[in-house]
Amino acid sequence: MKEVITGDNSITYYSEEAQDHYHTKSGAREEAFEKHAKALEIKANSVIYDMFFGLGYNSAAAIDILKDNVTIYCFENDKEILKLALEMDADFESWCIIKDFLRGFLDNGETIYVKDNIKLVMVYGDALETIKEEREKADYIFFDPFSPAKVPQFWTVDFFKDIKSKMNKNGKLSTYSCARFVKDNFTEAGFRLEKGPIIGRRSPSTIAINE
């Protein structure tokens, strides 16, 4: 992993294995807030799927906004990036919560972390399979894998259908990609699409709604 300082001075990493960055180079922290947590207008007493957790910025942004009353399922399959997140001091009010959660998972194998009315659940493994096992449906999904060119298996109609089946009615999904085939696949899977914010690029991100 190679550390990269992004445009808002927050840190991301470049994965040599995936040959891709974990966040936009224009601003990793900004992306977490603007493309995901704020773009979905998240509300308290909700269930969020963070797909994929990575450094945990999207979950941290959600907790910073909501403060309380949220359950987040954190999908990830790489302990290396989780260890890097544990070593960081990122600029989020809730970062101590993220670090406590990761410490419990990495040191003791604890998959559930609860603090007051905040609950974090580590869903570790191949998301193509683990998504099928989830019983608690999501109100919001931060869909943030590597790019379609790097991990095409996560951008298929079949996977989108599996995700949709785990969402509550009128649940919303945010993703940075606005590629034509990605939008076509979301539509074929049964989502209604809206344009998301334009952050760090010329094109808008994508919001997919389960109507």
N, C-alpha and C. Protein backbone atom coordinates (compact mmCIF):
# COMPACT_ATOMS: atom_id res chain seq x y z
N MET A 1 0.84 -1.19 0.00
CA MET A 1 0.00 0.00 0.00
C MET A 1 0.88 1.25 0.00
N LYS A 2 0.49 2.22 -0.77
CA LYS A 2 1.23 3.48 -0.83
C LYS A 2 0.34 4.61 -0.32
N GLU A 3 0.84 5.37 0.67
CA GLU A 3 0.09 6.48 1.22
C GLU A 3 0.03 7.64 0.22
N VAL A 4 -1.14 8.25 0.11
CA VAL A 4 -1.35 9.38 -0.80
C VAL A 4 -2.08 10.49 -0.04
N ILE A 5 -1.55 11.71 -0.11
CA ILE A 5 -2.22 12.87 0.47
C ILE A 5 -3.15 13.45 -0.59
N THR A 6 -4.44 13.53 -0.29
CA THR A 6 -5.41 14.02 -1.27
C THR A 6 -5.59 15.53 -1.18
N GLY A 7 -6.42 16.06 -2.04
CA GLY A 7 -6.56 17.50 -2.18
C GLY A 7 -7.08 18.23 -0.97
N ASP A 8 -7.77 17.55 -0.05
CA ASP A 8 -8.25 18.20 1.18
C ASP A 8 -7.35 17.87 2.37
N ASN A 9 -6.16 17.37 2.06
CA ASN A 9 -5.13 17.00 3.05
C ASN A 9 -5.46 15.74 3.85
N SER A 10 -6.50 15.04 3.49
CA SER A 10 -6.77 13.75 4.12
C SER A 10 -5.99 12.66 3.38
N ILE A 11 -5.78 11.56 4.08
CA ILE A 11 -4.95 10.48 3.55
C ILE A 11 -5.80 9.40 2.90
N THR A 12 -5.34 8.90 1.77
CA THR A 12 -5.87 7.66 1.22
C THR A 12 -4.70 6.76 0.90
N TYR A 13 -4.98 5.62 0.31
CA TYR A 13 -3.92 4.69 -0.07
C TYR A 13 -4.13 4.21 -1.49
N TYR A 14 -3.01 3.87 -2.12
CA TYR A 14 -3.04 3.25 -3.44
C TYR A 14 -2.73 1.77 -3.27
N SER A 15 -3.62 0.93 -3.75
CA SER A 15 -3.44 -0.51 -3.65
C SER A 15 -2.70 -1.02 -4.88
N GLU A 16 -1.51 -1.56 -4.67
CA GLU A 16 -0.77 -2.13 -5.79
C GLU A 16 -1.48 -3.35 -6.35
N GLU A 17 -2.13 -4.11 -5.47
CA GLU A 17 -2.84 -5.30 -5.92
C GLU A 17 -4.00 -4.95 -6.84
N ALA A 18 -4.80 -3.96 -6.45
CA ALA A 18 -5.94 -3.54 -7.27
C ALA A 18 -5.55 -2.52 -8.32
N GLN A 19 -4.38 -1.92 -8.15
CA GLN A 19 -3.92 -0.84 -9.02
C GLN A 19 -4.96 0.28 -9.08
N ASP A 20 -5.38 0.69 -7.89
CA ASP A 20 -6.42 1.71 -7.79
C ASP A 20 -6.31 2.39 -6.43
N HIS A 21 -6.82 3.63 -6.35
CA HIS A 21 -6.86 4.36 -5.10
C HIS A 21 -8.14 4.03 -4.33
N TYR A 22 -8.08 4.14 -3.02
CA TYR A 22 -9.26 3.91 -2.19
C TYR A 22 -10.24 5.09 -2.24
N HIS A 23 -9.75 6.27 -2.56
CA HIS A 23 -10.61 7.46 -2.62
C HIS A 23 -10.18 8.34 -3.79
N THR A 24 -11.02 9.30 -4.12
CA THR A 24 -10.64 10.28 -5.12
C THR A 24 -9.47 11.11 -4.61
N LYS A 25 -8.56 11.42 -5.50
CA LYS A 25 -7.38 12.21 -5.10
C LYS A 25 -7.73 13.67 -4.85
N SER A 26 -8.95 14.07 -5.22
CA SER A 26 -9.35 15.47 -4.98
C SER A 26 -9.67 15.72 -3.52
N GLY A 27 -9.97 14.64 -2.76
CA GLY A 27 -10.26 14.81 -1.34
C GLY A 27 -10.98 13.61 -0.77
N ALA A 28 -10.28 12.79 -0.01
CA ALA A 28 -10.87 11.56 0.53
C ALA A 28 -11.96 11.84 1.56
N ARG A 29 -11.68 12.75 2.48
CA ARG A 29 -12.66 13.08 3.52
C ARG A 29 -13.89 13.75 2.90
N GLU A 30 -13.65 14.67 1.98
CA GLU A 30 -14.75 15.35 1.30
C GLU A 30 -15.64 14.34 0.58
N GLU A 31 -15.04 13.37 -0.07
CA GLU A 31 -15.81 12.37 -0.79
C GLU A 31 -16.74 11.60 0.15
N ALA A 32 -16.24 11.24 1.32
CA ALA A 32 -17.05 10.48 2.28
C ALA A 32 -18.30 11.25 2.68
N PHE A 33 -18.12 12.53 2.95
CA PHE A 33 -19.27 13.35 3.35
C PHE A 33 -20.19 13.67 2.18
N GLU A 34 -19.62 14.19 1.10
CA GLU A 34 -20.43 14.78 0.03
C GLU A 34 -21.03 13.74 -0.93
N LYS A 35 -20.26 12.71 -1.29
CA LYS A 35 -20.76 11.72 -2.26
C LYS A 35 -21.61 10.64 -1.62
N HIS A 36 -21.46 10.50 -0.31
CA HIS A 36 -22.16 9.40 0.35
C HIS A 36 -23.11 9.88 1.45
N ALA A 37 -22.57 10.24 2.61
CA ALA A 37 -23.43 10.54 3.76
C ALA A 37 -24.41 11.69 3.50
N LYS A 38 -23.91 12.80 2.97
CA LYS A 38 -24.79 13.94 2.70
C LYS A 38 -25.64 13.71 1.45
N ALA A 39 -25.07 13.05 0.45
CA ALA A 39 -25.81 12.82 -0.80
C ALA A 39 -27.07 11.99 -0.57
N LEU A 40 -27.00 11.07 0.39
CA LEU A 40 -28.17 10.22 0.67
C LEU A 40 -29.10 10.82 1.71
N GLU A 41 -28.72 11.97 2.27
CA GLU A 41 -29.54 12.64 3.29
C GLU A 41 -29.91 11.65 4.39
N ILE A 42 -28.90 10.99 4.92
CA ILE A 42 -29.13 9.94 5.91
C ILE A 42 -29.81 10.49 7.16
N LYS A 43 -30.62 9.64 7.76
CA LYS A 43 -31.37 10.02 8.96
C LYS A 43 -31.10 9.01 10.07
N ALA A 44 -31.36 9.43 11.31
CA ALA A 44 -31.14 8.56 12.46
C ALA A 44 -32.12 7.39 12.47
N ASN A 45 -31.85 6.44 13.33
CA ASN A 45 -32.66 5.22 13.44
C ASN A 45 -32.69 4.46 12.12
N SER A 46 -31.53 4.39 11.48
CA SER A 46 -31.45 3.73 10.18
C SER A 46 -30.37 2.66 10.19
N VAL A 47 -30.42 1.83 9.15
CA VAL A 47 -29.42 0.80 8.92
C VAL A 47 -28.66 1.15 7.65
N ILE A 48 -27.33 1.15 7.75
CA ILE A 48 -26.47 1.49 6.62
C ILE A 48 -25.57 0.31 6.30
N TYR A 49 -25.43 0.01 5.01
CA TYR A 49 -24.39 -0.92 4.56
C TYR A 49 -23.25 -0.07 4.00
N ASP A 50 -22.06 -0.23 4.55
CA ASP A 50 -20.86 0.44 4.03
C ASP A 50 -20.11 -0.58 3.19
N MET A 51 -20.28 -0.46 1.86
CA MET A 51 -19.69 -1.41 0.92
C MET A 51 -18.77 -0.64 -0.05
N PHE A 52 -17.52 -0.60 0.14
CA PHE A 52 -16.71 -1.43 1.01
C PHE A 52 -16.01 -0.54 2.02
N PHE A 53 -15.76 -1.04 3.22
CA PHE A 53 -15.36 -0.23 4.36
C PHE A 53 -14.02 0.47 4.15
N GLY A 54 -13.01 -0.25 3.69
CA GLY A 54 -11.70 0.36 3.45
C GLY A 54 -11.13 0.99 4.70
N LEU A 55 -10.84 2.29 4.64
CA LEU A 55 -10.32 3.03 5.78
C LEU A 55 -11.41 3.45 6.76
N GLY A 56 -12.66 3.27 6.38
CA GLY A 56 -13.75 3.59 7.30
C GLY A 56 -14.25 5.02 7.24
N TYR A 57 -13.81 5.78 6.24
CA TYR A 57 -14.21 7.19 6.18
C TYR A 57 -15.71 7.37 6.01
N ASN A 58 -16.34 6.53 5.18
CA ASN A 58 -17.77 6.71 4.94
C ASN A 58 -18.58 6.45 6.21
N SER A 59 -18.21 5.43 6.95
CA SER A 59 -18.89 5.15 8.22
C SER A 59 -18.65 6.27 9.22
N ALA A 60 -17.42 6.77 9.27
CA ALA A 60 -17.11 7.87 10.18
C ALA A 60 -17.92 9.11 9.84
N ALA A 61 -18.04 9.41 8.55
CA ALA A 61 -18.83 10.57 8.14
C ALA A 61 -20.29 10.42 8.56
N ALA A 62 -20.82 9.21 8.41
CA ALA A 62 -22.21 8.96 8.81
C ALA A 62 -22.41 9.17 10.30
N ILE A 63 -21.48 8.66 11.10
CA ILE A 63 -21.60 8.82 12.55
C ILE A 63 -21.43 10.28 12.95
N ASP A 64 -20.52 10.99 12.28
CA ASP A 64 -20.34 12.42 12.56
C ASP A 64 -21.63 13.19 12.33
N ILE A 65 -22.35 12.84 11.28
CA ILE A 65 -23.59 13.54 10.94
C ILE A 65 -24.73 13.15 11.88
N LEU A 66 -24.89 11.86 12.11
CA LEU A 66 -26.04 11.38 12.88
C LEU A 66 -25.82 11.46 14.38
N LYS A 67 -24.58 11.31 14.81
CA LYS A 67 -24.21 11.36 16.24
C LYS A 67 -24.65 10.12 17.01
N ASP A 68 -25.78 9.54 16.64
CA ASP A 68 -26.38 8.50 17.47
C ASP A 68 -27.42 7.73 16.65
N ASN A 69 -27.90 6.64 17.21
CA ASN A 69 -29.01 5.88 16.63
C ASN A 69 -28.77 5.45 15.19
N VAL A 70 -27.74 4.63 14.99
CA VAL A 70 -27.45 4.10 13.66
C VAL A 70 -26.77 2.75 13.80
N THR A 71 -27.09 1.86 12.86
CA THR A 71 -26.41 0.57 12.73
C THR A 71 -25.74 0.54 11.38
N ILE A 72 -24.45 0.22 11.36
CA ILE A 72 -23.69 0.18 10.11
C ILE A 72 -23.06 -1.20 9.94
N TYR A 73 -23.39 -1.85 8.83
CA TYR A 73 -22.75 -3.11 8.46
C TYR A 73 -21.57 -2.79 7.55
N CYS A 74 -20.39 -3.19 7.96
CA CYS A 74 -19.15 -2.80 7.29
C CYS A 74 -18.59 -3.98 6.51
N PHE A 75 -18.75 -3.95 5.19
CA PHE A 75 -18.30 -5.04 4.33
C PHE A 75 -16.84 -4.81 3.93
N GLU A 76 -15.99 -5.81 4.17
CA GLU A 76 -14.58 -5.68 3.82
C GLU A 76 -13.97 -7.08 3.70
N ASN A 77 -12.90 -7.17 2.92
CA ASN A 77 -12.23 -8.47 2.77
C ASN A 77 -10.71 -8.35 2.81
N ASP A 78 -10.19 -7.22 3.32
CA ASP A 78 -8.75 -6.99 3.33
C ASP A 78 -8.33 -6.43 4.69
N LYS A 79 -7.67 -7.25 5.49
CA LYS A 79 -7.26 -6.79 6.82
C LYS A 79 -6.11 -5.79 6.75
N GLU A 80 -5.37 -5.79 5.65
CA GLU A 80 -4.25 -4.84 5.54
C GLU A 80 -4.74 -3.40 5.60
N ILE A 81 -5.81 -3.08 4.88
CA ILE A 81 -6.31 -1.71 4.89
C ILE A 81 -6.93 -1.38 6.24
N LEU A 82 -7.51 -2.36 6.91
CA LEU A 82 -8.07 -2.13 8.24
C LEU A 82 -6.96 -1.82 9.24
N LYS A 83 -5.84 -2.50 9.12
CA LYS A 83 -4.70 -2.24 10.01
C LYS A 83 -4.15 -0.83 9.78
N LEU A 84 -4.12 -0.40 8.54
CA LEU A 84 -3.66 0.96 8.23
C LEU A 84 -4.61 1.99 8.83
N ALA A 85 -5.90 1.73 8.74
CA ALA A 85 -6.89 2.65 9.33
C ALA A 85 -6.70 2.75 10.84
N LEU A 86 -6.40 1.64 11.48
CA LEU A 86 -6.21 1.62 12.93
C LEU A 86 -5.01 2.46 13.36
N GLU A 87 -4.02 2.59 12.47
CA GLU A 87 -2.82 3.36 12.79
C GLU A 87 -2.99 4.86 12.53
N MET A 88 -4.09 5.24 11.90
CA MET A 88 -4.30 6.63 11.49
C MET A 88 -5.00 7.45 12.57
N ASP A 89 -4.89 8.75 12.44
CA ASP A 89 -5.68 9.69 13.23
C ASP A 89 -6.40 10.61 12.26
N ALA A 90 -7.47 10.11 11.67
CA ALA A 90 -8.20 10.85 10.64
C ALA A 90 -9.08 11.93 11.27
N ASP A 91 -9.40 12.94 10.47
CA ASP A 91 -10.12 14.12 10.95
C ASP A 91 -11.63 13.90 10.95
N PHE A 92 -12.08 13.04 11.86
CA PHE A 92 -13.51 12.80 12.07
C PHE A 92 -13.77 12.82 13.57
N GLU A 93 -14.88 13.40 13.97
CA GLU A 93 -15.22 13.41 15.40
C GLU A 93 -15.36 12.00 15.95
N SER A 94 -15.80 11.10 15.12
CA SER A 94 -16.09 9.73 15.54
C SER A 94 -14.92 8.77 15.34
N TRP A 95 -13.75 9.29 15.04
CA TRP A 95 -12.64 8.39 14.68
C TRP A 95 -12.27 7.44 15.81
N CYS A 96 -12.42 7.88 17.05
CA CYS A 96 -12.12 6.99 18.18
C CYS A 96 -13.05 5.79 18.18
N ILE A 97 -14.28 5.98 17.72
CA ILE A 97 -15.23 4.86 17.62
C ILE A 97 -14.78 3.88 16.55
N ILE A 98 -14.38 4.42 15.39
CA ILE A 98 -13.89 3.57 14.30
C ILE A 98 -12.68 2.76 14.77
N LYS A 99 -11.76 3.39 15.46
CA LYS A 99 -10.54 2.70 15.91
C LYS A 99 -10.86 1.64 16.96
N ASP A 100 -11.76 1.94 17.87
CA ASP A 100 -12.15 0.94 18.87
C ASP A 100 -12.79 -0.28 18.20
N PHE A 101 -13.63 -0.02 17.21
CA PHE A 101 -14.27 -1.08 16.44
C PHE A 101 -13.23 -1.95 15.74
N LEU A 102 -12.28 -1.31 15.07
CA LEU A 102 -11.25 -2.05 14.33
C LEU A 102 -10.33 -2.80 15.28
N ARG A 103 -10.00 -2.19 16.40
CA ARG A 103 -9.12 -2.86 17.37
C ARG A 103 -9.77 -4.14 17.89
N GLY A 104 -11.05 -4.07 18.17
CA GLY A 104 -11.75 -5.25 18.65
C GLY A 104 -11.78 -6.36 17.61
N PHE A 105 -11.96 -5.98 16.34
CA PHE A 105 -12.01 -6.98 15.28
C PHE A 105 -10.63 -7.57 15.00
N LEU A 106 -9.63 -6.70 14.84
CA LEU A 106 -8.29 -7.17 14.46
C LEU A 106 -7.59 -7.90 15.59
N ASP A 107 -7.78 -7.45 16.82
CA ASP A 107 -7.07 -8.06 17.95
C ASP A 107 -7.80 -9.26 18.53
N ASN A 108 -9.12 -9.21 18.53
CA ASN A 108 -9.89 -10.24 19.23
C ASN A 108 -10.94 -10.95 18.38
N GLY A 109 -11.05 -10.56 17.10
CA GLY A 109 -12.03 -11.20 16.24
C GLY A 109 -13.46 -10.81 16.53
N GLU A 110 -13.65 -9.70 17.26
CA GLU A 110 -15.00 -9.25 17.60
C GLU A 110 -15.64 -8.57 16.38
N THR A 111 -16.79 -9.05 15.96
CA THR A 111 -17.43 -8.51 14.75
C THR A 111 -18.50 -7.48 15.06
N ILE A 112 -18.92 -7.39 16.32
CA ILE A 112 -19.97 -6.44 16.70
C ILE A 112 -19.43 -5.47 17.75
N TYR A 113 -19.64 -4.18 17.50
CA TYR A 113 -19.20 -3.13 18.42
C TYR A 113 -20.41 -2.25 18.72
N VAL A 114 -20.64 -1.99 19.98
CA VAL A 114 -21.77 -1.15 20.38
C VAL A 114 -21.29 -0.08 21.35
N LYS A 115 -21.61 1.16 21.06
CA LYS A 115 -21.34 2.28 21.97
C LYS A 115 -22.58 3.15 22.00
N ASP A 116 -23.21 3.23 23.17
CA ASP A 116 -24.48 3.94 23.29
C ASP A 116 -25.46 3.37 22.26
N ASN A 117 -25.95 4.19 21.35
CA ASN A 117 -26.89 3.71 20.34
C ASN A 117 -26.26 3.62 18.95
N ILE A 118 -24.94 3.46 18.93
CA ILE A 118 -24.21 3.25 17.67
C ILE A 118 -23.75 1.80 17.63
N LYS A 119 -24.10 1.12 16.56
CA LYS A 119 -23.72 -0.29 16.40
C LYS A 119 -22.99 -0.47 15.08
N LEU A 120 -21.80 -1.07 15.14
CA LEU A 120 -21.01 -1.38 13.96
C LEU A 120 -20.83 -2.88 13.87
N VAL A 121 -21.04 -3.43 12.69
CA VAL A 121 -20.92 -4.87 12.47
C VAL A 121 -19.94 -5.12 11.33
N MET A 122 -18.88 -5.88 11.59
CA MET A 122 -17.94 -6.22 10.54
C MET A 122 -18.45 -7.43 9.77
N VAL A 123 -18.63 -7.25 8.47
CA VAL A 123 -19.04 -8.34 7.59
C VAL A 123 -17.83 -8.66 6.74
N TYR A 124 -17.02 -9.61 7.21
CA TYR A 124 -15.73 -9.86 6.58
C TYR A 124 -15.82 -11.04 5.62
N GLY A 125 -15.29 -10.84 4.41
CA GLY A 125 -15.30 -11.89 3.41
C GLY A 125 -15.68 -11.35 2.05
N ASP A 126 -15.95 -12.23 1.13
CA ASP A 126 -16.32 -11.87 -0.23
C ASP A 126 -17.76 -11.35 -0.25
N ALA A 127 -17.91 -10.08 -0.57
CA ALA A 127 -19.24 -9.46 -0.53
C ALA A 127 -20.22 -10.11 -1.49
N LEU A 128 -19.74 -10.75 -2.54
CA LEU A 128 -20.64 -11.46 -3.45
C LEU A 128 -21.41 -12.55 -2.71
N GLU A 129 -20.80 -13.09 -1.66
CA GLU A 129 -21.44 -14.13 -0.87
C GLU A 129 -22.04 -13.59 0.43
N THR A 130 -21.31 -12.71 1.12
CA THR A 130 -21.79 -12.25 2.43
C THR A 130 -23.07 -11.43 2.33
N ILE A 131 -23.29 -10.75 1.19
CA ILE A 131 -24.51 -9.96 1.04
C ILE A 131 -25.74 -10.86 1.12
N LYS A 132 -25.60 -12.10 0.67
CA LYS A 132 -26.73 -13.02 0.65
C LYS A 132 -27.14 -13.47 2.05
N GLU A 133 -26.23 -13.33 3.00
CA GLU A 133 -26.46 -13.83 4.35
C GLU A 133 -27.08 -12.80 5.29
N GLU A 134 -27.09 -11.53 4.87
CA GLU A 134 -27.58 -10.47 5.76
C GLU A 134 -29.10 -10.54 5.92
N ARG A 135 -29.55 -10.38 7.16
CA ARG A 135 -30.98 -10.46 7.44
C ARG A 135 -31.60 -9.09 7.70
N GLU A 136 -30.82 -8.18 8.26
CA GLU A 136 -31.34 -6.84 8.54
C GLU A 136 -31.17 -5.97 7.30
N LYS A 137 -32.27 -5.48 6.76
CA LYS A 137 -32.22 -4.74 5.50
C LYS A 137 -31.72 -3.32 5.71
N ALA A 138 -31.16 -2.77 4.63
CA ALA A 138 -30.53 -1.45 4.69
C ALA A 138 -31.48 -0.35 4.23
N ASP A 139 -31.37 0.79 4.91
CA ASP A 139 -32.04 2.01 4.46
C ASP A 139 -31.15 2.80 3.50
N TYR A 140 -29.84 2.68 3.73
CA TYR A 140 -28.86 3.40 2.91
C TYR A 140 -27.67 2.49 2.65
N ILE A 141 -27.09 2.64 1.45
CA ILE A 141 -25.88 1.89 1.12
C ILE A 141 -24.85 2.83 0.52
N PHE A 142 -23.66 2.83 1.10
CA PHE A 142 -22.51 3.51 0.52
C PHE A 142 -21.79 2.46 -0.33
N PHE A 143 -21.93 2.56 -1.65
CA PHE A 143 -21.35 1.54 -2.54
C PHE A 143 -20.04 2.07 -3.10
N ASP A 144 -18.94 1.57 -2.56
CA ASP A 144 -17.64 2.22 -2.80
C ASP A 144 -16.52 1.21 -3.05
N PRO A 145 -16.72 0.26 -3.98
CA PRO A 145 -15.62 -0.65 -4.31
C PRO A 145 -14.61 0.04 -5.22
N PHE A 146 -13.54 -0.68 -5.56
CA PHE A 146 -12.63 -0.16 -6.57
C PHE A 146 -13.40 -0.02 -7.89
N SER A 147 -12.78 0.60 -8.87
CA SER A 147 -13.46 0.97 -10.11
C SER A 147 -13.91 -0.26 -10.90
N PRO A 148 -14.92 -0.09 -11.75
CA PRO A 148 -15.42 -1.21 -12.54
C PRO A 148 -14.35 -1.90 -13.38
N ALA A 149 -13.37 -1.14 -13.83
CA ALA A 149 -12.30 -1.73 -14.63
C ALA A 149 -11.42 -2.67 -13.80
N LYS A 150 -11.34 -2.41 -12.49
CA LYS A 150 -10.48 -3.20 -11.62
C LYS A 150 -11.21 -4.38 -10.98
N VAL A 151 -12.46 -4.17 -10.61
CA VAL A 151 -13.24 -5.25 -9.95
C VAL A 151 -14.62 -5.35 -10.60
N PRO A 152 -14.68 -5.79 -11.86
CA PRO A 152 -15.96 -5.82 -12.58
C PRO A 152 -17.01 -6.70 -11.93
N GLN A 153 -16.58 -7.67 -11.11
CA GLN A 153 -17.54 -8.59 -10.48
C GLN A 153 -18.48 -7.89 -9.52
N PHE A 154 -18.09 -6.70 -9.04
CA PHE A 154 -18.94 -5.97 -8.10
C PHE A 154 -19.88 -4.98 -8.78
N TRP A 155 -19.87 -4.95 -10.10
CA TRP A 155 -20.68 -3.97 -10.83
C TRP A 155 -21.65 -4.65 -11.79
N THR A 156 -22.04 -5.88 -11.50
CA THR A 156 -22.90 -6.63 -12.40
C THR A 156 -24.38 -6.50 -12.02
N VAL A 157 -25.23 -6.84 -12.95
CA VAL A 157 -26.67 -6.84 -12.70
C VAL A 157 -27.02 -7.80 -11.57
N ASP A 158 -26.42 -8.98 -11.60
CA ASP A 158 -26.73 -9.99 -10.58
C ASP A 158 -26.38 -9.49 -9.18
N PHE A 159 -25.22 -8.87 -9.02
CA PHE A 159 -24.83 -8.37 -7.70
C PHE A 159 -25.74 -7.23 -7.28
N PHE A 160 -26.08 -6.36 -8.22
CA PHE A 160 -27.00 -5.26 -7.90
C PHE A 160 -28.37 -5.80 -7.47
N LYS A 161 -28.81 -6.89 -8.08
CA LYS A 161 -30.09 -7.49 -7.67
C LYS A 161 -29.99 -8.06 -6.25
N ASP A 162 -28.84 -8.67 -5.95
CA ASP A 162 -28.65 -9.19 -4.59
C ASP A 162 -28.67 -8.06 -3.57
N ILE A 163 -28.03 -6.94 -3.92
CA ILE A 163 -28.02 -5.78 -3.04
C ILE A 163 -29.44 -5.23 -2.86
N LYS A 164 -30.15 -5.09 -3.98
CA LYS A 164 -31.51 -4.54 -3.94
C LYS A 164 -32.42 -5.38 -3.04
N SER A 165 -32.21 -6.68 -3.04
CA SER A 165 -33.06 -7.57 -2.23
C SER A 165 -32.82 -7.38 -0.74
N LYS A 166 -31.72 -6.71 -0.39
CA LYS A 166 -31.40 -6.47 1.02
C LYS A 166 -31.67 -5.02 1.43
N MET A 167 -32.40 -4.29 0.60
CA MET A 167 -32.72 -2.90 0.91
C MET A 167 -34.20 -2.75 1.26
N ASN A 168 -34.49 -1.87 2.18
CA ASN A 168 -35.87 -1.52 2.47
C ASN A 168 -36.47 -0.71 1.33
N LYS A 169 -37.78 -0.69 1.24
CA LYS A 169 -38.45 0.09 0.19
C LYS A 169 -38.05 1.56 0.33
N ASN A 170 -37.75 2.17 -0.80
CA ASN A 170 -37.27 3.55 -0.89
C ASN A 170 -35.87 3.74 -0.31
N GLY A 171 -35.18 2.62 -0.09
CA GLY A 171 -33.78 2.71 0.32
C GLY A 171 -32.93 3.32 -0.78
N LYS A 172 -31.85 3.98 -0.38
CA LYS A 172 -31.01 4.69 -1.34
C LYS A 172 -29.57 4.18 -1.30
N LEU A 173 -28.96 4.15 -2.47
CA LEU A 173 -27.56 3.74 -2.62
C LEU A 173 -26.78 4.84 -3.30
N SER A 174 -25.60 5.12 -2.81
CA SER A 174 -24.73 6.12 -3.44
C SER A 174 -23.48 5.45 -3.98
N THR A 175 -23.03 5.90 -5.15
CA THR A 175 -21.76 5.43 -5.69
C THR A 175 -21.14 6.52 -6.53
N TYR A 176 -19.82 6.47 -6.61
CA TYR A 176 -19.08 7.51 -7.35
C TYR A 176 -19.17 7.33 -8.85
N SER A 177 -19.46 6.12 -9.31
CA SER A 177 -19.42 5.83 -10.75
C SER A 177 -20.65 6.36 -11.47
N CYS A 178 -20.41 6.91 -12.65
CA CYS A 178 -21.52 7.31 -13.51
C CYS A 178 -21.36 6.70 -14.90
N ALA A 179 -20.57 5.63 -14.98
CA ALA A 179 -20.35 4.96 -16.26
C ALA A 179 -21.68 4.47 -16.83
N ARG A 180 -21.82 4.56 -18.12
CA ARG A 180 -23.07 4.19 -18.77
C ARG A 180 -23.47 2.76 -18.45
N PHE A 181 -22.55 1.81 -18.54
CA PHE A 181 -22.93 0.42 -18.31
C PHE A 181 -23.28 0.18 -16.84
N VAL A 182 -22.67 0.94 -15.94
CA VAL A 182 -23.02 0.83 -14.51
C VAL A 182 -24.46 1.28 -14.30
N LYS A 183 -24.81 2.41 -14.89
CA LYS A 183 -26.18 2.91 -14.76
C LYS A 183 -27.17 1.97 -15.42
N ASP A 184 -26.79 1.42 -16.56
CA ASP A 184 -27.67 0.45 -17.24
C ASP A 184 -27.89 -0.78 -16.36
N ASN A 185 -26.82 -1.23 -15.70
CA ASN A 185 -26.94 -2.41 -14.84
C ASN A 185 -27.82 -2.14 -13.62
N PHE A 186 -27.68 -0.95 -13.04
CA PHE A 186 -28.56 -0.57 -11.93
C PHE A 186 -30.02 -0.56 -12.39
N THR A 187 -30.27 0.02 -13.55
CA THR A 187 -31.63 0.10 -14.08
C THR A 187 -32.21 -1.29 -14.34
N GLU A 188 -31.39 -2.16 -14.95
CA GLU A 188 -31.85 -3.52 -15.23
C GLU A 188 -32.14 -4.29 -13.94
N ALA A 189 -31.41 -3.95 -12.88
CA ALA A 189 -31.63 -4.61 -11.59
C ALA A 189 -32.87 -4.10 -10.88
N GLY A 190 -33.47 -3.01 -11.42
CA GLY A 190 -34.73 -2.52 -10.87
C GLY A 190 -34.66 -1.24 -10.08
N PHE A 191 -33.52 -0.56 -10.12
CA PHE A 191 -33.38 0.71 -9.41
C PHE A 191 -33.85 1.89 -10.26
N ARG A 192 -34.30 2.94 -9.60
CA ARG A 192 -34.50 4.23 -10.26
C ARG A 192 -33.28 5.08 -9.95
N LEU A 193 -32.77 5.79 -10.95
CA LEU A 193 -31.52 6.52 -10.78
C LEU A 193 -31.73 8.02 -10.71
N GLU A 194 -30.91 8.66 -9.91
CA GLU A 194 -30.82 10.11 -9.85
C GLU A 194 -29.35 10.51 -9.91
N LYS A 195 -29.11 11.74 -10.32
CA LYS A 195 -27.74 12.24 -10.34
C LYS A 195 -27.31 12.62 -8.92
N GLY A 196 -26.11 12.24 -8.57
CA GLY A 196 -25.53 12.65 -7.30
C GLY A 196 -24.70 13.91 -7.48
N PRO A 197 -24.00 14.33 -6.44
CA PRO A 197 -23.20 15.55 -6.52
C PRO A 197 -21.98 15.40 -7.42
N ILE A 198 -21.50 16.51 -7.90
CA ILE A 198 -20.26 16.55 -8.68
C ILE A 198 -19.14 16.96 -7.74
N ILE A 199 -18.27 16.02 -7.41
CA ILE A 199 -17.18 16.26 -6.47
C ILE A 199 -15.88 15.73 -7.07
N GLY A 200 -14.96 16.63 -7.36
CA GLY A 200 -13.64 16.22 -7.82
C GLY A 200 -13.58 15.68 -9.23
N ARG A 201 -14.65 15.86 -10.01
CA ARG A 201 -14.67 15.38 -11.39
C ARG A 201 -15.74 16.15 -12.14
N ARG A 202 -15.78 15.97 -13.45
CA ARG A 202 -16.75 16.71 -14.26
C ARG A 202 -18.15 16.11 -14.20
N SER A 203 -18.21 14.82 -13.99
CA SER A 203 -19.50 14.13 -14.04
C SER A 203 -20.06 13.91 -12.64
N PRO A 204 -21.39 13.83 -12.53
CA PRO A 204 -22.01 13.59 -11.22
C PRO A 204 -21.84 12.14 -10.78
N SER A 205 -21.94 11.92 -9.50
CA SER A 205 -22.00 10.56 -8.99
C SER A 205 -23.42 10.03 -9.22
N THR A 206 -23.71 8.84 -8.72
CA THR A 206 -25.00 8.20 -9.00
C THR A 206 -25.71 7.83 -7.70
N ILE A 207 -27.01 8.09 -7.67
CA ILE A 207 -27.88 7.65 -6.58
C ILE A 207 -28.86 6.64 -7.16
N ALA A 208 -28.93 5.45 -6.56
CA ALA A 208 -29.86 4.41 -7.00
C ALA A 208 -30.90 4.18 -5.90
N ILE A 209 -32.17 4.20 -6.28
CA ILE A 209 -33.26 4.13 -5.30
C ILE A 209 -34.09 2.87 -5.52
N ASN A 210 -34.36 2.18 -4.43
CA ASN A 210 -35.16 0.95 -4.47
C ASN A 210 -36.63 1.30 -4.25
N GLU A 211 -37.35 1.53 -5.33
CA GLU A 211 -38.76 1.92 -5.23
C GLU A 211 -39.67 0.70 -5.28
